[in-house]
Amino acid sequence: MNHKILVVDDEESVRHVVSYTLEQAGYAVDTAANGDECLDKVYSFQPDLVLLDLMMPTVDGWEVLRLLRSNPETEAVPVVLLTAKGEIHDIMFALQQGAADYITKPFGKQELLERVSRVLE
């Protein structure tokens, strides 16, 4: 079975690059451009992993993470933050809030694939 990954980022270019990289590696991918769309697609697409940007309009990544962790239907879905925010306090806070991993932009293709693979194991 191909793992399903939801890529959530308000920048279309990031969604495209990440989606392409993951699809080339054999993953089934869907995308969302903001937190509201992410929350809808988590229920319709039922991903095995969510790659989530923090800084987005409407509902930001912190709130999406909080909502996913607080819902019994989505609390077990791994969330990997993929963000430009690279401060150590952001990373520590994310892990405390239930993120499975934290990738700082810019990132390499190999780093992305290795971290996704590790979280899905």
N, C-alpha and C. Protein backbone atom coordinates (compact mmCIF):
# COMPACT_ATOMS: atom_id res chain seq x y z
N MET A 1 0.84 -1.20 0.00
CA MET A 1 0.00 0.00 0.00
C MET A 1 0.87 1.24 0.00
N ASN A 2 0.53 2.18 -0.87
CA ASN A 2 1.23 3.46 -0.88
C ASN A 2 0.75 4.31 0.28
N HIS A 3 1.69 4.88 0.99
CA HIS A 3 1.30 5.81 2.05
C HIS A 3 0.76 7.09 1.43
N LYS A 4 -0.24 7.67 2.11
CA LYS A 4 -0.85 8.92 1.65
C LYS A 4 -0.32 10.06 2.50
N ILE A 5 0.11 11.13 1.82
CA ILE A 5 0.68 12.28 2.51
C ILE A 5 -0.07 13.54 2.07
N LEU A 6 -0.46 14.34 3.05
CA LEU A 6 -1.09 15.63 2.80
C LEU A 6 -0.05 16.72 3.00
N VAL A 7 0.20 17.50 1.96
CA VAL A 7 1.17 18.59 1.99
C VAL A 7 0.41 19.90 2.14
N VAL A 8 0.69 20.62 3.24
CA VAL A 8 -0.06 21.84 3.54
C VAL A 8 0.92 23.02 3.59
N ASP A 9 0.77 23.94 2.64
CA ASP A 9 1.61 25.13 2.60
C ASP A 9 0.89 26.19 1.78
N ASP A 10 0.99 27.45 2.21
CA ASP A 10 0.32 28.50 1.47
C ASP A 10 1.08 28.91 0.20
N GLU A 11 2.31 28.47 0.05
CA GLU A 11 3.09 28.78 -1.14
C GLU A 11 2.96 27.65 -2.16
N GLU A 12 2.40 27.98 -3.32
CA GLU A 12 2.17 26.97 -4.36
C GLU A 12 3.47 26.30 -4.78
N SER A 13 4.56 27.07 -4.88
CA SER A 13 5.83 26.49 -5.32
C SER A 13 6.33 25.43 -4.34
N VAL A 14 6.14 25.66 -3.05
CA VAL A 14 6.55 24.66 -2.05
C VAL A 14 5.67 23.41 -2.17
N ARG A 15 4.37 23.62 -2.29
CA ARG A 15 3.47 22.46 -2.46
C ARG A 15 3.88 21.64 -3.67
N HIS A 16 4.21 22.32 -4.76
CA HIS A 16 4.56 21.63 -6.01
C HIS A 16 5.85 20.82 -5.85
N VAL A 17 6.90 21.45 -5.32
CA VAL A 17 8.20 20.77 -5.17
C VAL A 17 8.08 19.58 -4.23
N VAL A 18 7.43 19.78 -3.09
CA VAL A 18 7.30 18.70 -2.11
C VAL A 18 6.43 17.57 -2.68
N SER A 19 5.32 17.92 -3.30
CA SER A 19 4.44 16.90 -3.89
C SER A 19 5.16 16.09 -4.94
N TYR A 20 5.86 16.77 -5.83
CA TYR A 20 6.59 16.08 -6.90
C TYR A 20 7.63 15.12 -6.32
N THR A 21 8.39 15.60 -5.35
CA THR A 21 9.43 14.77 -4.71
C THR A 21 8.81 13.53 -4.10
N LEU A 22 7.71 13.70 -3.38
CA LEU A 22 7.06 12.56 -2.72
C LEU A 22 6.42 11.60 -3.72
N GLU A 23 5.79 12.15 -4.77
CA GLU A 23 5.17 11.30 -5.79
C GLU A 23 6.22 10.47 -6.53
N GLN A 24 7.38 11.07 -6.81
CA GLN A 24 8.47 10.35 -7.48
C GLN A 24 8.96 9.20 -6.60
N ALA A 25 8.83 9.34 -5.29
CA ALA A 25 9.25 8.29 -4.35
C ALA A 25 8.15 7.25 -4.11
N GLY A 26 7.00 7.43 -4.77
CA GLY A 26 5.95 6.43 -4.69
C GLY A 26 4.81 6.71 -3.73
N TYR A 27 4.80 7.90 -3.15
CA TYR A 27 3.72 8.24 -2.21
C TYR A 27 2.52 8.80 -2.96
N ALA A 28 1.33 8.59 -2.42
CA ALA A 28 0.12 9.24 -2.90
C ALA A 28 0.03 10.58 -2.17
N VAL A 29 -0.16 11.66 -2.92
CA VAL A 29 -0.08 13.00 -2.33
C VAL A 29 -1.32 13.81 -2.66
N ASP A 30 -1.78 14.57 -1.66
CA ASP A 30 -2.79 15.59 -1.87
C ASP A 30 -2.24 16.85 -1.22
N THR A 31 -2.80 17.99 -1.59
CA THR A 31 -2.29 19.25 -1.06
C THR A 31 -3.42 20.12 -0.52
N ALA A 32 -3.03 21.04 0.36
CA ALA A 32 -3.94 22.04 0.89
C ALA A 32 -3.16 23.36 0.98
N ALA A 33 -3.85 24.47 0.71
CA ALA A 33 -3.18 25.77 0.67
C ALA A 33 -3.29 26.55 1.97
N ASN A 34 -4.09 26.04 2.92
CA ASN A 34 -4.24 26.74 4.20
C ASN A 34 -4.78 25.77 5.25
N GLY A 35 -4.87 26.25 6.47
CA GLY A 35 -5.29 25.40 7.57
C GLY A 35 -6.71 24.89 7.45
N ASP A 36 -7.61 25.74 6.98
CA ASP A 36 -9.01 25.29 6.83
C ASP A 36 -9.11 24.15 5.83
N GLU A 37 -8.43 24.32 4.70
CA GLU A 37 -8.43 23.28 3.66
C GLU A 37 -7.78 22.01 4.19
N CYS A 38 -6.73 22.16 4.98
CA CYS A 38 -6.06 21.02 5.58
C CYS A 38 -7.02 20.22 6.44
N LEU A 39 -7.74 20.90 7.30
CA LEU A 39 -8.66 20.21 8.21
C LEU A 39 -9.73 19.45 7.44
N ASP A 40 -10.23 20.04 6.34
CA ASP A 40 -11.22 19.35 5.50
C ASP A 40 -10.61 18.11 4.87
N LYS A 41 -9.39 18.25 4.32
CA LYS A 41 -8.78 17.14 3.58
C LYS A 41 -8.28 16.03 4.50
N VAL A 42 -8.00 16.33 5.75
CA VAL A 42 -7.60 15.27 6.67
C VAL A 42 -8.73 14.24 6.77
N TYR A 43 -9.97 14.70 6.74
CA TYR A 43 -11.11 13.79 6.84
C TYR A 43 -11.44 13.12 5.51
N SER A 44 -11.32 13.84 4.40
CA SER A 44 -11.68 13.26 3.10
C SER A 44 -10.56 12.39 2.53
N PHE A 45 -9.31 12.81 2.65
CA PHE A 45 -8.16 12.09 2.08
C PHE A 45 -7.60 11.04 3.04
N GLN A 46 -7.79 11.25 4.32
CA GLN A 46 -7.30 10.36 5.38
C GLN A 46 -5.82 10.01 5.20
N PRO A 47 -4.95 11.01 5.31
CA PRO A 47 -3.53 10.79 5.09
C PRO A 47 -2.88 9.97 6.21
N ASP A 48 -1.77 9.34 5.85
CA ASP A 48 -0.96 8.62 6.82
C ASP A 48 0.03 9.58 7.49
N LEU A 49 0.21 10.75 6.90
CA LEU A 49 1.15 11.75 7.39
C LEU A 49 0.72 13.11 6.87
N VAL A 50 0.88 14.14 7.70
CA VAL A 50 0.63 15.52 7.27
C VAL A 50 1.95 16.28 7.36
N LEU A 51 2.34 16.90 6.24
CA LEU A 51 3.48 17.82 6.22
C LEU A 51 2.87 19.22 6.30
N LEU A 52 3.17 19.94 7.36
CA LEU A 52 2.42 21.15 7.70
C LEU A 52 3.31 22.37 7.87
N ASP A 53 3.00 23.42 7.12
CA ASP A 53 3.66 24.71 7.29
C ASP A 53 3.07 25.39 8.52
N LEU A 54 3.86 26.23 9.18
CA LEU A 54 3.35 26.95 10.35
C LEU A 54 2.71 28.28 10.00
N MET A 55 3.36 29.04 9.14
CA MET A 55 2.91 30.40 8.86
C MET A 55 2.01 30.42 7.63
N MET A 56 0.68 30.43 7.89
CA MET A 56 -0.32 30.44 6.82
C MET A 56 -1.44 31.39 7.20
N PRO A 57 -2.14 31.91 6.19
CA PRO A 57 -3.31 32.76 6.49
C PRO A 57 -4.47 31.92 7.04
N THR A 58 -5.46 32.55 7.52
CA THR A 58 -6.66 31.99 8.17
C THR A 58 -6.27 31.20 9.40
N VAL A 59 -6.10 29.91 9.29
CA VAL A 59 -5.74 29.08 10.44
C VAL A 59 -4.27 28.69 10.28
N ASP A 60 -3.41 29.08 11.24
CA ASP A 60 -1.98 28.78 11.10
C ASP A 60 -1.68 27.34 11.51
N GLY A 61 -0.45 26.92 11.26
CA GLY A 61 -0.06 25.55 11.53
C GLY A 61 -0.13 25.15 12.99
N TRP A 62 0.16 26.11 13.88
CA TRP A 62 0.07 25.80 15.33
C TRP A 62 -1.35 25.39 15.69
N GLU A 63 -2.33 26.14 15.17
CA GLU A 63 -3.74 25.84 15.48
C GLU A 63 -4.17 24.52 14.83
N VAL A 64 -3.71 24.28 13.60
CA VAL A 64 -4.03 23.01 12.93
C VAL A 64 -3.47 21.85 13.75
N LEU A 65 -2.23 21.96 14.19
CA LEU A 65 -1.61 20.91 14.99
C LEU A 65 -2.41 20.68 16.28
N ARG A 66 -2.79 21.76 16.94
CA ARG A 66 -3.57 21.65 18.17
C ARG A 66 -4.90 20.94 17.91
N LEU A 67 -5.58 21.32 16.83
CA LEU A 67 -6.88 20.72 16.51
C LEU A 67 -6.74 19.24 16.14
N LEU A 68 -5.70 18.90 15.39
CA LEU A 68 -5.49 17.50 15.02
C LEU A 68 -5.18 16.65 16.25
N ARG A 69 -4.38 17.17 17.16
CA ARG A 69 -4.00 16.42 18.37
C ARG A 69 -5.16 16.29 19.35
N SER A 70 -6.08 17.23 19.34
CA SER A 70 -7.18 17.21 20.32
C SER A 70 -8.39 16.41 19.85
N ASN A 71 -8.37 15.91 18.61
CA ASN A 71 -9.50 15.16 18.08
C ASN A 71 -9.15 13.67 18.06
N PRO A 72 -9.95 12.82 18.72
CA PRO A 72 -9.67 11.39 18.75
C PRO A 72 -9.54 10.75 17.36
N GLU A 73 -10.21 11.32 16.35
CA GLU A 73 -10.15 10.76 14.99
C GLU A 73 -8.82 11.05 14.31
N THR A 74 -8.12 12.10 14.74
CA THR A 74 -6.90 12.52 14.04
C THR A 74 -5.67 12.57 14.95
N GLU A 75 -5.84 12.27 16.21
CA GLU A 75 -4.72 12.43 17.16
C GLU A 75 -3.53 11.54 16.84
N ALA A 76 -3.75 10.41 16.16
CA ALA A 76 -2.65 9.49 15.86
C ALA A 76 -1.98 9.76 14.52
N VAL A 77 -2.53 10.67 13.71
CA VAL A 77 -1.92 10.97 12.40
C VAL A 77 -0.64 11.77 12.64
N PRO A 78 0.52 11.25 12.19
CA PRO A 78 1.76 11.98 12.39
C PRO A 78 1.77 13.31 11.63
N VAL A 79 2.25 14.34 12.29
CA VAL A 79 2.38 15.65 11.68
C VAL A 79 3.86 16.04 11.72
N VAL A 80 4.40 16.34 10.54
CA VAL A 80 5.77 16.83 10.43
C VAL A 80 5.68 18.29 10.01
N LEU A 81 6.23 19.16 10.83
CA LEU A 81 6.21 20.57 10.48
C LEU A 81 7.31 20.84 9.46
N LEU A 82 6.96 21.63 8.45
CA LEU A 82 7.87 21.98 7.36
C LEU A 82 7.80 23.50 7.24
N THR A 83 8.77 24.20 7.83
CA THR A 83 8.61 25.63 8.01
C THR A 83 9.93 26.38 7.95
N ALA A 84 9.84 27.67 7.71
CA ALA A 84 11.02 28.54 7.71
C ALA A 84 11.42 28.93 9.13
N LYS A 85 10.54 28.68 10.10
CA LYS A 85 10.84 29.04 11.49
C LYS A 85 11.82 28.02 12.08
N GLY A 86 13.07 28.44 12.24
CA GLY A 86 14.10 27.50 12.67
C GLY A 86 14.64 27.72 14.06
N GLU A 87 13.97 28.55 14.86
CA GLU A 87 14.44 28.81 16.22
C GLU A 87 14.25 27.57 17.08
N ILE A 88 15.20 27.32 17.96
CA ILE A 88 15.15 26.12 18.80
C ILE A 88 13.89 26.08 19.66
N HIS A 89 13.42 27.26 20.13
CA HIS A 89 12.19 27.25 20.95
C HIS A 89 10.97 26.84 20.13
N ASP A 90 10.96 27.17 18.82
CA ASP A 90 9.85 26.72 17.96
C ASP A 90 9.89 25.21 17.79
N ILE A 91 11.10 24.67 17.59
CA ILE A 91 11.25 23.23 17.41
C ILE A 91 10.82 22.48 18.67
N MET A 92 11.30 22.94 19.82
CA MET A 92 10.96 22.30 21.09
C MET A 92 9.46 22.38 21.36
N PHE A 93 8.87 23.55 21.12
CA PHE A 93 7.44 23.73 21.34
C PHE A 93 6.64 22.79 20.43
N ALA A 94 7.06 22.68 19.17
CA ALA A 94 6.35 21.81 18.22
C ALA A 94 6.36 20.36 18.69
N LEU A 95 7.51 19.89 19.14
CA LEU A 95 7.61 18.51 19.61
C LEU A 95 6.78 18.31 20.87
N GLN A 96 6.75 19.31 21.75
CA GLN A 96 5.93 19.23 22.96
C GLN A 96 4.44 19.19 22.61
N GLN A 97 4.07 19.83 21.50
CA GLN A 97 2.66 19.89 21.09
C GLN A 97 2.23 18.66 20.29
N GLY A 98 3.17 17.74 20.07
CA GLY A 98 2.79 16.50 19.41
C GLY A 98 3.25 16.33 17.98
N ALA A 99 4.10 17.23 17.48
CA ALA A 99 4.65 17.04 16.13
C ALA A 99 5.59 15.84 16.15
N ALA A 100 5.58 15.06 15.06
CA ALA A 100 6.44 13.89 14.96
C ALA A 100 7.86 14.27 14.56
N ASP A 101 8.00 15.39 13.85
CA ASP A 101 9.31 15.86 13.41
C ASP A 101 9.16 17.31 12.97
N TYR A 102 10.31 17.92 12.67
CA TYR A 102 10.36 19.35 12.34
C TYR A 102 11.44 19.53 11.29
N ILE A 103 11.05 19.97 10.11
CA ILE A 103 12.01 20.20 9.02
C ILE A 103 12.02 21.69 8.72
N THR A 104 13.22 22.27 8.69
CA THR A 104 13.36 23.69 8.44
C THR A 104 13.63 23.95 6.95
N LYS A 105 12.88 24.92 6.39
CA LYS A 105 13.13 25.36 5.01
C LYS A 105 14.35 26.28 5.02
N PRO A 106 15.20 26.23 4.00
CA PRO A 106 15.14 25.29 2.89
C PRO A 106 15.64 23.92 3.32
N PHE A 107 15.17 22.89 2.64
CA PHE A 107 15.52 21.52 2.98
C PHE A 107 15.96 20.82 1.70
N GLY A 108 16.70 19.74 1.85
CA GLY A 108 17.10 18.95 0.69
C GLY A 108 16.11 17.85 0.42
N LYS A 109 16.05 17.43 -0.83
CA LYS A 109 15.14 16.36 -1.25
C LYS A 109 15.40 15.09 -0.42
N GLN A 110 16.67 14.73 -0.25
CA GLN A 110 17.01 13.50 0.47
C GLN A 110 16.60 13.60 1.94
N GLU A 111 16.83 14.77 2.55
CA GLU A 111 16.42 14.97 3.95
C GLU A 111 14.91 14.78 4.09
N LEU A 112 14.15 15.38 3.19
CA LEU A 112 12.69 15.26 3.23
C LEU A 112 12.27 13.79 3.14
N LEU A 113 12.81 13.07 2.17
CA LEU A 113 12.41 11.67 1.97
C LEU A 113 12.81 10.80 3.15
N GLU A 114 13.99 11.02 3.70
CA GLU A 114 14.44 10.22 4.83
C GLU A 114 13.59 10.46 6.07
N ARG A 115 13.27 11.71 6.32
CA ARG A 115 12.47 12.01 7.51
C ARG A 115 11.04 11.50 7.37
N VAL A 116 10.46 11.64 6.19
CA VAL A 116 9.11 11.11 5.95
C VAL A 116 9.11 9.60 6.13
N SER A 117 10.09 8.92 5.55
CA SER A 117 10.19 7.48 5.66
C SER A 117 10.32 7.04 7.12
N ARG A 118 11.15 7.76 7.88
CA ARG A 118 11.36 7.41 9.29
C ARG A 118 10.06 7.56 10.09
N VAL A 119 9.34 8.64 9.86
CA VAL A 119 8.09 8.87 10.61
C VAL A 119 7.03 7.81 10.25
N LEU A 120 7.02 7.39 9.00
CA LEU A 120 6.02 6.41 8.55
C LEU A 120 6.35 4.98 8.97
N GLU A 121 7.58 4.71 9.39
CA GLU A 121 7.95 3.35 9.79
C GLU A 121 7.23 2.92 11.06
